[in-house]
Amino acid sequence: MNRRLLIDAGNSCLKWAVVEDGQWRAQGRSDYADWTDLKAHLTAATPCFIASVARPAHEQALAPLLAAAGSSAQWLTAEAEFAGVKNRYLNPQQLGADRWMGLIAARQRTREAVLVVSVGTAMTVDALAADGVFLGGVIVPGVRLMRQALQQGTARVADAPGHWQAFPRSTADAVESGIVAALCGAIEQQYARLAGASETVPHCLLTGGDAGMVLPHLALPAEQVPPLVLEGVDAVARVRMTR
């Protein structure tokens, strides 16, 4: 039986999936304060493949949990090249593991130019050319960080729920709408740049916990793929397990 555990350890939570005989049998999301769901799927001799941008304290808590269950862990990092994706970062290993896995997964889905967007604690917008070259990307604060910046840096912006409006008429709605506009603007600008450098119309893939907040307001065609990073982790895992 070919079984493996995939983990995407992000800034605010951990996403995981169990793949068995080529089928995704289970998926979940765990807070770092509660490993209950993840523990239920830990079995001895099951290899675990991890893409992490989590805080060291969270990684240090995860490692003994896996070891105690008898699961061998491989912590994945970015490489100069993998499966047709060429990393042109000045220091390839400095690229976040989650971004690298997202690019690998995007390449598995299409051989055309694609913009890979992860809307999480931070938002990353990465451009992958049709020939597999990672051209580069931008990082901006995500929804929660933008809210916090406004609340902490201004005197009259309260922590109140708001809703997107084309022309907001309350402070709470103005904050929410401004955040959406800023995130969409970053995506649309990078998409236009990638389109200008491509012979065909680029694809756009969105992932991350706040992707659904951004997607309806984008002025471009895009597809939401929640497990995109885990798909990339699985692509690497399949190669590693055959070595």
C-alpha atoms as a PDB file:
ATOM      1  CA  MET A   1       0.000   0.000   0.000  1.00  0.00           C
ATOM      2  CA  ASN A   2       1.421   3.355  -1.087  1.00  0.00           C
ATOM      3  CA  ARG A   3       0.440   5.835   1.624  1.00  0.00           C
ATOM      4  CA  ARG A   4       1.812   9.289   2.399  1.00  0.00           C
ATOM      5  CA  LEU A   5       0.928  12.313   4.496  1.00  0.00           C
ATOM      6  CA  LEU A   6       1.232  15.774   2.957  1.00  0.00           C
ATOM      7  CA  ILE A   7       1.502  18.899   5.106  1.00  0.00           C
ATOM      8  CA  ASP A   8       1.354  22.588   4.205  1.00  0.00           C
ATOM      9  CA  ALA A   9       2.422  24.411   7.372  1.00  0.00           C
ATOM     10  CA  GLY A  10       1.498  28.051   6.947  1.00  0.00           C
ATOM     11  CA  ASN A  11       1.781  31.126   9.112  1.00  0.00           C
ATOM     12  CA  SER A  12      -1.575  30.746  10.842  1.00  0.00           C
ATOM     13  CA  CYS A  13      -2.601  27.111  10.417  1.00  0.00           C
ATOM     14  CA  LEU A  14      -1.633  23.744   9.027  1.00  0.00           C
ATOM     15  CA  LYS A  15      -3.286  22.038   6.055  1.00  0.00           C
ATOM     16  CA  TRP A  16      -2.831  18.325   5.455  1.00  0.00           C
ATOM     17  CA  ALA A  17      -3.892  15.475   3.191  1.00  0.00           C
ATOM     18  CA  VAL A  18      -3.556  11.700   3.191  1.00  0.00           C
ATOM     19  CA  VAL A  19      -2.847  10.092  -0.184  1.00  0.00           C
ATOM     20  CA  GLU A  20      -3.185   6.337  -0.536  1.00  0.00           C
ATOM     21  CA  ASP A  21      -2.685   4.353  -3.740  1.00  0.00           C
ATOM     22  CA  GLY A  22      -2.906   7.551  -5.755  1.00  0.00           C
ATOM     23  CA  GLN A  23      -6.189   8.678  -4.193  1.00  0.00           C
ATOM     24  CA  TRP A  24      -6.666  11.610  -1.817  1.00  0.00           C
ATOM     25  CA  ARG A  25      -8.382   9.817   1.073  1.00  0.00           C
ATOM     26  CA  ALA A  26      -8.635  12.645   3.598  1.00  0.00           C
ATOM     27  CA  GLN A  27      -7.928  16.354   3.890  1.00  0.00           C
ATOM     28  CA  GLY A  28      -8.077  18.746   6.791  1.00  0.00           C
ATOM     29  CA  ARG A  29      -6.962  21.909   8.474  1.00  0.00           C
ATOM     30  CA  SER A  30      -5.561  22.148  11.999  1.00  0.00           C
ATOM     31  CA  ASP A  31      -4.783  25.052  14.269  1.00  0.00           C
ATOM     32  CA  TYR A  32      -1.351  24.905  15.845  1.00  0.00           C
ATOM     33  CA  ALA A  33      -3.018  24.754  19.262  1.00  0.00           C
ATOM     34  CA  ASP A  34      -4.978  21.592  18.419  1.00  0.00           C
ATOM     35  CA  TRP A  35      -3.483  18.610  16.569  1.00  0.00           C
ATOM     36  CA  THR A  36      -6.470  16.283  17.150  1.00  0.00           C
ATOM     37  CA  ASP A  37      -7.543  15.847  13.521  1.00  0.00           C
ATOM     38  CA  LEU A  38      -3.987  15.395  12.302  1.00  0.00           C
ATOM     39  CA  LYS A  39      -3.159  12.834  15.009  1.00  0.00           C
ATOM     40  CA  ALA A  40      -6.040  10.659  13.865  1.00  0.00           C
ATOM     41  CA  HIS A  41      -4.280  10.134  10.529  1.00  0.00           C
ATOM     42  CA  LEU A  42      -0.752   9.535  11.797  1.00  0.00           C
ATOM     43  CA  THR A  43       0.333   5.937  11.377  1.00  0.00           C
ATOM     44  CA  ALA A  44       3.669   4.188  11.746  1.00  0.00           C
ATOM     45  CA  ALA A  45       5.876   3.912   8.680  1.00  0.00           C
ATOM     46  CA  THR A  46       3.846   6.501   6.759  1.00  0.00           C
ATOM     47  CA  PRO A  47       6.223   9.001   5.156  1.00  0.00           C
ATOM     48  CA  CYS A  48       5.352  12.638   5.691  1.00  0.00           C
ATOM     49  CA  PHE A  49       6.302  15.441   3.313  1.00  0.00           C
ATOM     50  CA  ILE A  50       6.167  18.982   4.676  1.00  0.00           C
ATOM     51  CA  ALA A  51       6.304  22.408   3.058  1.00  0.00           C
ATOM     52  CA  SER A  52       6.628  24.885   5.904  1.00  0.00           C
ATOM     53  CA  VAL A  53       6.780  28.624   6.379  1.00  0.00           C
ATOM     54  CA  ALA A  54       5.598  28.259   9.969  1.00  0.00           C
ATOM     55  CA  ARG A  55       7.289  29.774  12.984  1.00  0.00           C
ATOM     56  CA  PRO A  56      10.154  27.699  14.421  1.00  0.00           C
ATOM     57  CA  ALA A  57       8.099  27.016  17.561  1.00  0.00           C
ATOM     58  CA  HIS A  58       5.351  25.423  15.479  1.00  0.00           C
ATOM     59  CA  GLU A  59       7.844  23.327  13.529  1.00  0.00           C
ATOM     60  CA  GLN A  60       9.476  22.240  16.769  1.00  0.00           C
ATOM     61  CA  ALA A  61       6.099  21.092  18.088  1.00  0.00           C
ATOM     62  CA  LEU A  62       5.250  19.205  14.896  1.00  0.00           C
ATOM     63  CA  ALA A  63       8.509  17.265  14.541  1.00  0.00           C
ATOM     64  CA  PRO A  64       8.232  15.199  17.781  1.00  0.00           C
ATOM     65  CA  LEU A  65       4.542  14.571  17.093  1.00  0.00           C
ATOM     66  CA  LEU A  66       5.438  12.891  13.812  1.00  0.00           C
ATOM     67  CA  ALA A  67       8.383  11.052  15.345  1.00  0.00           C
ATOM     68  CA  ALA A  68       6.249   9.676  18.179  1.00  0.00           C
ATOM     69  CA  ALA A  69       3.831   8.235  15.631  1.00  0.00           C
ATOM     70  CA  GLY A  70       6.676   6.577  13.741  1.00  0.00           C
ATOM     71  CA  SER A  71       6.184   8.755  10.684  1.00  0.00           C
ATOM     72  CA  SER A  72       9.369   9.713   8.837  1.00  0.00           C
ATOM     73  CA  ALA A  73       9.354  13.398   7.931  1.00  0.00           C
ATOM     74  CA  GLN A  74      10.926  15.133   4.949  1.00  0.00           C
ATOM     75  CA  TRP A  75      10.997  18.926   5.167  1.00  0.00           C
ATOM     76  CA  LEU A  76      10.882  20.233   1.612  1.00  0.00           C
ATOM     77  CA  THR A  77      12.636  23.360   0.386  1.00  0.00           C
ATOM     78  CA  ALA A  78      12.849  25.186  -2.919  1.00  0.00           C
ATOM     79  CA  GLU A  79      15.352  23.945  -5.485  1.00  0.00           C
ATOM     80  CA  ALA A  80      16.939  25.383  -8.604  1.00  0.00           C
ATOM     81  CA  GLU A  81      14.726  23.186 -10.793  1.00  0.00           C
ATOM     82  CA  PHE A  82      12.072  20.522 -10.413  1.00  0.00           C
ATOM     83  CA  ALA A  83       9.661  18.874 -12.857  1.00  0.00           C
ATOM     84  CA  GLY A  84      10.155  21.520 -15.519  1.00  0.00           C
ATOM     85  CA  VAL A  85       9.922  24.490 -13.152  1.00  0.00           C
ATOM     86  CA  LYS A  86      13.071  26.614 -13.163  1.00  0.00           C
ATOM     87  CA  ASN A  87      13.665  28.764 -10.094  1.00  0.00           C
ATOM     88  CA  ARG A  88      15.226  32.090 -11.058  1.00  0.00           C
ATOM     89  CA  TYR A  89      15.313  33.486  -7.519  1.00  0.00           C
ATOM     90  CA  LEU A  90      18.724  35.048  -6.846  1.00  0.00           C
ATOM     91  CA  ASN A  91      19.065  32.528  -4.011  1.00  0.00           C
ATOM     92  CA  PRO A  92      16.773  29.640  -5.030  1.00  0.00           C
ATOM     93  CA  GLN A  93      16.540  28.140  -1.547  1.00  0.00           C
ATOM     94  CA  GLN A  94      15.370  31.480  -0.129  1.00  0.00           C
ATOM     95  CA  LEU A  95      12.070  31.117  -1.970  1.00  0.00           C
ATOM     96  CA  GLY A  96       9.362  29.993   0.445  1.00  0.00           C
ATOM     97  CA  ALA A  97       8.582  26.287   0.272  1.00  0.00           C
ATOM     98  CA  ASP A  98       4.866  27.027  -0.075  1.00  0.00           C
ATOM     99  CA  ARG A  99       5.444  29.298  -3.064  1.00  0.00           C
ATOM    100  CA  TRP A 100       7.690  26.709  -4.706  1.00  0.00           C
ATOM    101  CA  MET A 101       5.099  23.957  -4.230  1.00  0.00           C
ATOM    102  CA  GLY A 102       2.402  26.223  -5.659  1.00  0.00           C
ATOM    103  CA  LEU A 103       4.504  26.815  -8.774  1.00  0.00           C
ATOM    104  CA  ILE A 104       5.152  23.087  -9.185  1.00  0.00           C
ATOM    105  CA  ALA A 105       1.438  22.340  -8.864  1.00  0.00           C
ATOM    106  CA  ALA A 106       0.571  25.063 -11.364  1.00  0.00           C
ATOM    107  CA  ARG A 107       3.011  23.556 -13.858  1.00  0.00           C
ATOM    108  CA  GLN A 108       1.331  20.172 -13.423  1.00  0.00           C
ATOM    109  CA  ARG A 109      -2.004  21.791 -14.308  1.00  0.00           C
ATOM    110  CA  THR A 110      -0.975  23.849 -17.350  1.00  0.00           C
ATOM    111  CA  ARG A 111       1.937  24.290 -19.717  1.00  0.00           C
ATOM    112  CA  GLU A 112       0.928  27.879 -20.436  1.00  0.00           C
ATOM    113  CA  ALA A 113       1.890  31.024 -18.549  1.00  0.00           C
ATOM    114  CA  VAL A 114       0.200  31.181 -15.164  1.00  0.00           C
ATOM    115  CA  LEU A 115      -0.051  33.593 -12.254  1.00  0.00           C
ATOM    116  CA  VAL A 116      -0.019  31.753  -8.920  1.00  0.00           C
ATOM    117  CA  VAL A 117      -1.655  33.700  -6.095  1.00  0.00           C
ATOM    118  CA  SER A 118      -1.790  32.644  -2.447  1.00  0.00           C
ATOM    119  CA  VAL A 119      -4.026  34.832  -0.288  1.00  0.00           C
ATOM    120  CA  GLY A 120      -3.111  34.041   3.297  1.00  0.00           C
ATOM    121  CA  THR A 121      -1.487  35.884   6.190  1.00  0.00           C
ATOM    122  CA  ALA A 122       0.587  37.468   3.440  1.00  0.00           C
ATOM    123  CA  MET A 123      -0.380  37.421  -0.216  1.00  0.00           C
ATOM    124  CA  THR A 124       2.142  36.167  -2.757  1.00  0.00           C
ATOM    125  CA  VAL A 125       1.706  36.735  -6.490  1.00  0.00           C
ATOM    126  CA  ASP A 126       4.110  34.646  -8.565  1.00  0.00           C
ATOM    127  CA  ALA A 127       4.578  34.591 -12.340  1.00  0.00           C
ATOM    128  CA  LEU A 128       5.411  31.353 -14.149  1.00  0.00           C
ATOM    129  CA  ALA A 129       6.223  31.584 -17.856  1.00  0.00           C
ATOM    130  CA  ALA A 130       5.065  29.049 -20.434  1.00  0.00           C
ATOM    131  CA  ASP A 131       8.564  27.552 -20.611  1.00  0.00           C
ATOM    132  CA  GLY A 132       8.487  26.804 -16.875  1.00  0.00           C
ATOM    133  CA  VAL A 133      10.675  29.699 -15.766  1.00  0.00           C
ATOM    134  CA  PHE A 134       9.637  31.318 -12.495  1.00  0.00           C
ATOM    135  CA  LEU A 135       9.995  34.985 -13.397  1.00  0.00           C
ATOM    136  CA  GLY A 136       9.548  36.312  -9.868  1.00  0.00           C
ATOM    137  CA  GLY A 137       6.783  37.525  -7.626  1.00  0.00           C
ATOM    138  CA  VAL A 138       5.589  40.066  -5.085  1.00  0.00           C
ATOM    139  CA  ILE A 139       4.585  39.774  -1.437  1.00  0.00           C
ATOM    140  CA  VAL A 140       2.033  42.074   0.192  1.00  0.00           C
ATOM    141  CA  PRO A 141       0.268  41.992   3.561  1.00  0.00           C
ATOM    142  CA  GLY A 142      -2.826  39.826   3.624  1.00  0.00           C
ATOM    143  CA  VAL A 143      -6.314  40.722   4.819  1.00  0.00           C
ATOM    144  CA  ARG A 144      -5.673  40.358   8.551  1.00  0.00           C
ATOM    145  CA  LEU A 145      -2.344  42.190   8.461  1.00  0.00           C
ATOM    146  CA  MET A 146      -3.842  45.106   6.542  1.00  0.00           C
ATOM    147  CA  ARG A 147      -6.666  45.366   9.071  1.00  0.00           C
ATOM    148  CA  GLN A 148      -4.207  45.287  11.958  1.00  0.00           C
ATOM    149  CA  ALA A 149      -2.022  47.963  10.364  1.00  0.00           C
ATOM    150  CA  LEU A 150      -4.982  50.341  10.058  1.00  0.00           C
ATOM    151  CA  GLN A 151      -6.228  49.646  13.577  1.00  0.00           C
ATOM    152  CA  GLN A 152      -2.802  50.072  15.153  1.00  0.00           C
ATOM    153  CA  GLY A 153      -1.655  53.026  13.072  1.00  0.00           C
ATOM    154  CA  THR A 154      -4.773  55.188  13.152  1.00  0.00           C
ATOM    155  CA  ALA A 155      -6.923  56.609  15.941  1.00  0.00           C
ATOM    156  CA  ARG A 156     -10.424  56.233  14.552  1.00  0.00           C
ATOM    157  CA  VAL A 157     -10.507  52.930  12.675  1.00  0.00           C
ATOM    158  CA  ALA A 158     -12.252  50.472  14.977  1.00  0.00           C
ATOM    159  CA  ASP A 159     -12.159  46.686  14.802  1.00  0.00           C
ATOM    160  CA  ALA A 160     -15.638  46.391  13.310  1.00  0.00           C
ATOM    161  CA  PRO A 161     -16.832  43.974  10.615  1.00  0.00           C
ATOM    162  CA  GLY A 162     -17.300  45.520   7.218  1.00  0.00           C
ATOM    163  CA  HIS A 163     -18.532  44.473   3.785  1.00  0.00           C
ATOM    164  CA  TRP A 164     -17.290  45.180   0.294  1.00  0.00           C
ATOM    165  CA  GLN A 165     -19.038  48.070  -1.412  1.00  0.00           C
ATOM    166  CA  ALA A 166     -18.232  49.805  -4.681  1.00  0.00           C
ATOM    167  CA  PHE A 167     -18.676  53.135  -2.911  1.00  0.00           C
ATOM    168  CA  PRO A 168     -18.443  52.517   0.843  1.00  0.00           C
ATOM    169  CA  ARG A 169     -20.372  54.840   3.155  1.00  0.00           C
ATOM    170  CA  SER A 170     -19.128  53.576   6.507  1.00  0.00           C
ATOM    171  CA  THR A 171     -15.616  53.296   7.919  1.00  0.00           C
ATOM    172  CA  ALA A 172     -15.876  49.539   8.397  1.00  0.00           C
ATOM    173  CA  ASP A 173     -17.006  49.040   4.805  1.00  0.00           C
ATOM    174  CA  ALA A 174     -14.322  51.454   3.585  1.00  0.00           C
ATOM    175  CA  VAL A 175     -11.621  49.387   5.298  1.00  0.00           C
ATOM    176  CA  GLU A 176     -12.929  46.084   3.938  1.00  0.00           C
ATOM    177  CA  SER A 177     -13.388  47.454   0.429  1.00  0.00           C
ATOM    178  CA  GLY A 178      -9.973  49.108   0.486  1.00  0.00           C
ATOM    179  CA  ILE A 179      -8.297  45.848   1.451  1.00  0.00           C
ATOM    180  CA  VAL A 180     -10.036  43.985  -1.360  1.00  0.00           C
ATOM    181  CA  ALA A 181      -9.125  46.743  -3.831  1.00  0.00           C
ATOM    182  CA  ALA A 182      -5.470  46.678  -2.781  1.00  0.00           C
ATOM    183  CA  LEU A 183      -5.186  42.906  -3.084  1.00  0.00           C
ATOM    184  CA  CYS A 184      -7.003  42.805  -6.415  1.00  0.00           C
ATOM    185  CA  GLY A 185      -4.860  45.651  -7.705  1.00  0.00           C
ATOM    186  CA  ALA A 186      -1.640  43.789  -6.931  1.00  0.00           C
ATOM    187  CA  ILE A 187      -2.940  40.669  -8.662  1.00  0.00           C
ATOM    188  CA  GLU A 188      -4.229  42.519 -11.714  1.00  0.00           C
ATOM    189  CA  GLN A 189      -1.018  44.506 -12.123  1.00  0.00           C
ATOM    190  CA  GLN A 190       1.164  41.388 -12.037  1.00  0.00           C
ATOM    191  CA  TYR A 191      -1.244  39.608 -14.363  1.00  0.00           C
ATOM    192  CA  ALA A 192      -0.953  42.458 -16.881  1.00  0.00           C
ATOM    193  CA  ARG A 193       2.830  42.277 -16.681  1.00  0.00           C
ATOM    194  CA  LEU A 194       2.813  38.518 -17.234  1.00  0.00           C
ATOM    195  CA  ALA A 195       0.384  38.907 -20.138  1.00  0.00           C
ATOM    196  CA  GLY A 196       2.729  41.451 -21.698  1.00  0.00           C
ATOM    197  CA  ALA A 197       5.588  38.973 -21.487  1.00  0.00           C
ATOM    198  CA  SER A 198       3.566  36.018 -22.824  1.00  0.00           C
ATOM    199  CA  GLU A 199       2.429  34.920 -26.264  1.00  0.00           C
ATOM    200  CA  THR A 200      -0.889  33.587 -24.956  1.00  0.00           C
ATOM    201  CA  VAL A 201      -3.388  34.732 -22.324  1.00  0.00           C
ATOM    202  CA  PRO A 202      -2.079  33.620 -18.913  1.00  0.00           C
ATOM    203  CA  HIS A 203      -4.010  31.501 -16.469  1.00  0.00           C
ATOM    204  CA  CYS A 204      -4.526  32.642 -12.882  1.00  0.00           C
ATOM    205  CA  LEU A 205      -4.763  30.212  -9.956  1.00  0.00           C
ATOM    206  CA  LEU A 206      -5.782  31.338  -6.469  1.00  0.00           C
ATOM    207  CA  THR A 207      -5.253  29.500  -3.206  1.00  0.00           C
ATOM    208  CA  GLY A 208      -5.059  30.392   0.479  1.00  0.00           C
ATOM    209  CA  GLY A 209      -7.629  30.976   3.193  1.00  0.00           C
ATOM    210  CA  ASP A 210      -8.779  34.383   1.919  1.00  0.00           C
ATOM    211  CA  ALA A 211      -8.815  33.566  -1.799  1.00  0.00           C
ATOM    212  CA  GLY A 212     -12.608  33.442  -1.768  1.00  0.00           C
ATOM    213  CA  MET A 213     -12.753  37.021  -0.522  1.00  0.00           C
ATOM    214  CA  VAL A 214     -10.714  38.280  -3.480  1.00  0.00           C
ATOM    215  CA  LEU A 215     -11.895  36.073  -6.347  1.00  0.00           C
ATOM    216  CA  PRO A 216     -15.341  37.665  -6.980  1.00  0.00           C
ATOM    217  CA  HIS A 217     -13.791  41.111  -7.407  1.00  0.00           C
ATOM    218  CA  LEU A 218     -10.978  40.313  -9.844  1.00  0.00           C
ATOM    219  CA  ALA A 219     -11.229  41.847 -13.300  1.00  0.00           C
ATOM    220  CA  LEU A 220      -9.664  38.772 -14.891  1.00  0.00           C
ATOM    221  CA  PRO A 221     -10.491  35.062 -15.250  1.00  0.00           C
ATOM    222  CA  ALA A 222      -9.192  33.059 -12.292  1.00  0.00           C
ATOM    223  CA  GLU A 223      -9.688  29.648 -10.709  1.00  0.00           C
ATOM    224  CA  GLN A 224      -9.630  28.903  -6.990  1.00  0.00           C
ATOM    225  CA  VAL A 225      -7.657  25.763  -6.071  1.00  0.00           C
ATOM    226  CA  PRO A 226      -7.639  25.340  -2.261  1.00  0.00           C
ATOM    227  CA  PRO A 227      -5.175  22.399  -2.130  1.00  0.00           C
ATOM    228  CA  LEU A 228      -2.699  23.864  -4.644  1.00  0.00           C
ATOM    229  CA  VAL A 229       0.309  23.809  -2.293  1.00  0.00           C
ATOM    230  CA  LEU A 230      -0.499  20.251  -1.217  1.00  0.00           C
ATOM    231  CA  GLU A 231      -0.685  19.246  -4.887  1.00  0.00           C
ATOM    232  CA  GLY A 232       2.863  20.517  -5.279  1.00  0.00           C
ATOM    233  CA  VAL A 233       3.984  18.675  -2.152  1.00  0.00           C
ATOM    234  CA  ASP A 234       2.476  15.494  -3.585  1.00  0.00           C
ATOM    235  CA  ALA A 235       4.302  15.964  -6.892  1.00  0.00           C
ATOM    236  CA  VAL A 236       7.607  16.130  -5.016  1.00  0.00           C
ATOM    237  CA  ALA A 237       6.613  13.230  -2.750  1.00  0.00           C
ATOM    238  CA  ARG A 238       5.908  10.941  -5.703  1.00  0.00           C
ATOM    239  CA  VAL A 239       9.406  11.531  -7.053  1.00  0.00           C
ATOM    240  CA  ARG A 240      11.084  11.153  -3.654  1.00  0.00           C
ATOM    241  CA  MET A 241       9.300   7.860  -2.959  1.00  0.00           C
ATOM    242  CA  THR A 242      10.620   6.284  -6.161  1.00  0.00           C
ATOM    243  CA  ARG A 243      14.252   7.016  -5.344  1.00  0.00           C
END
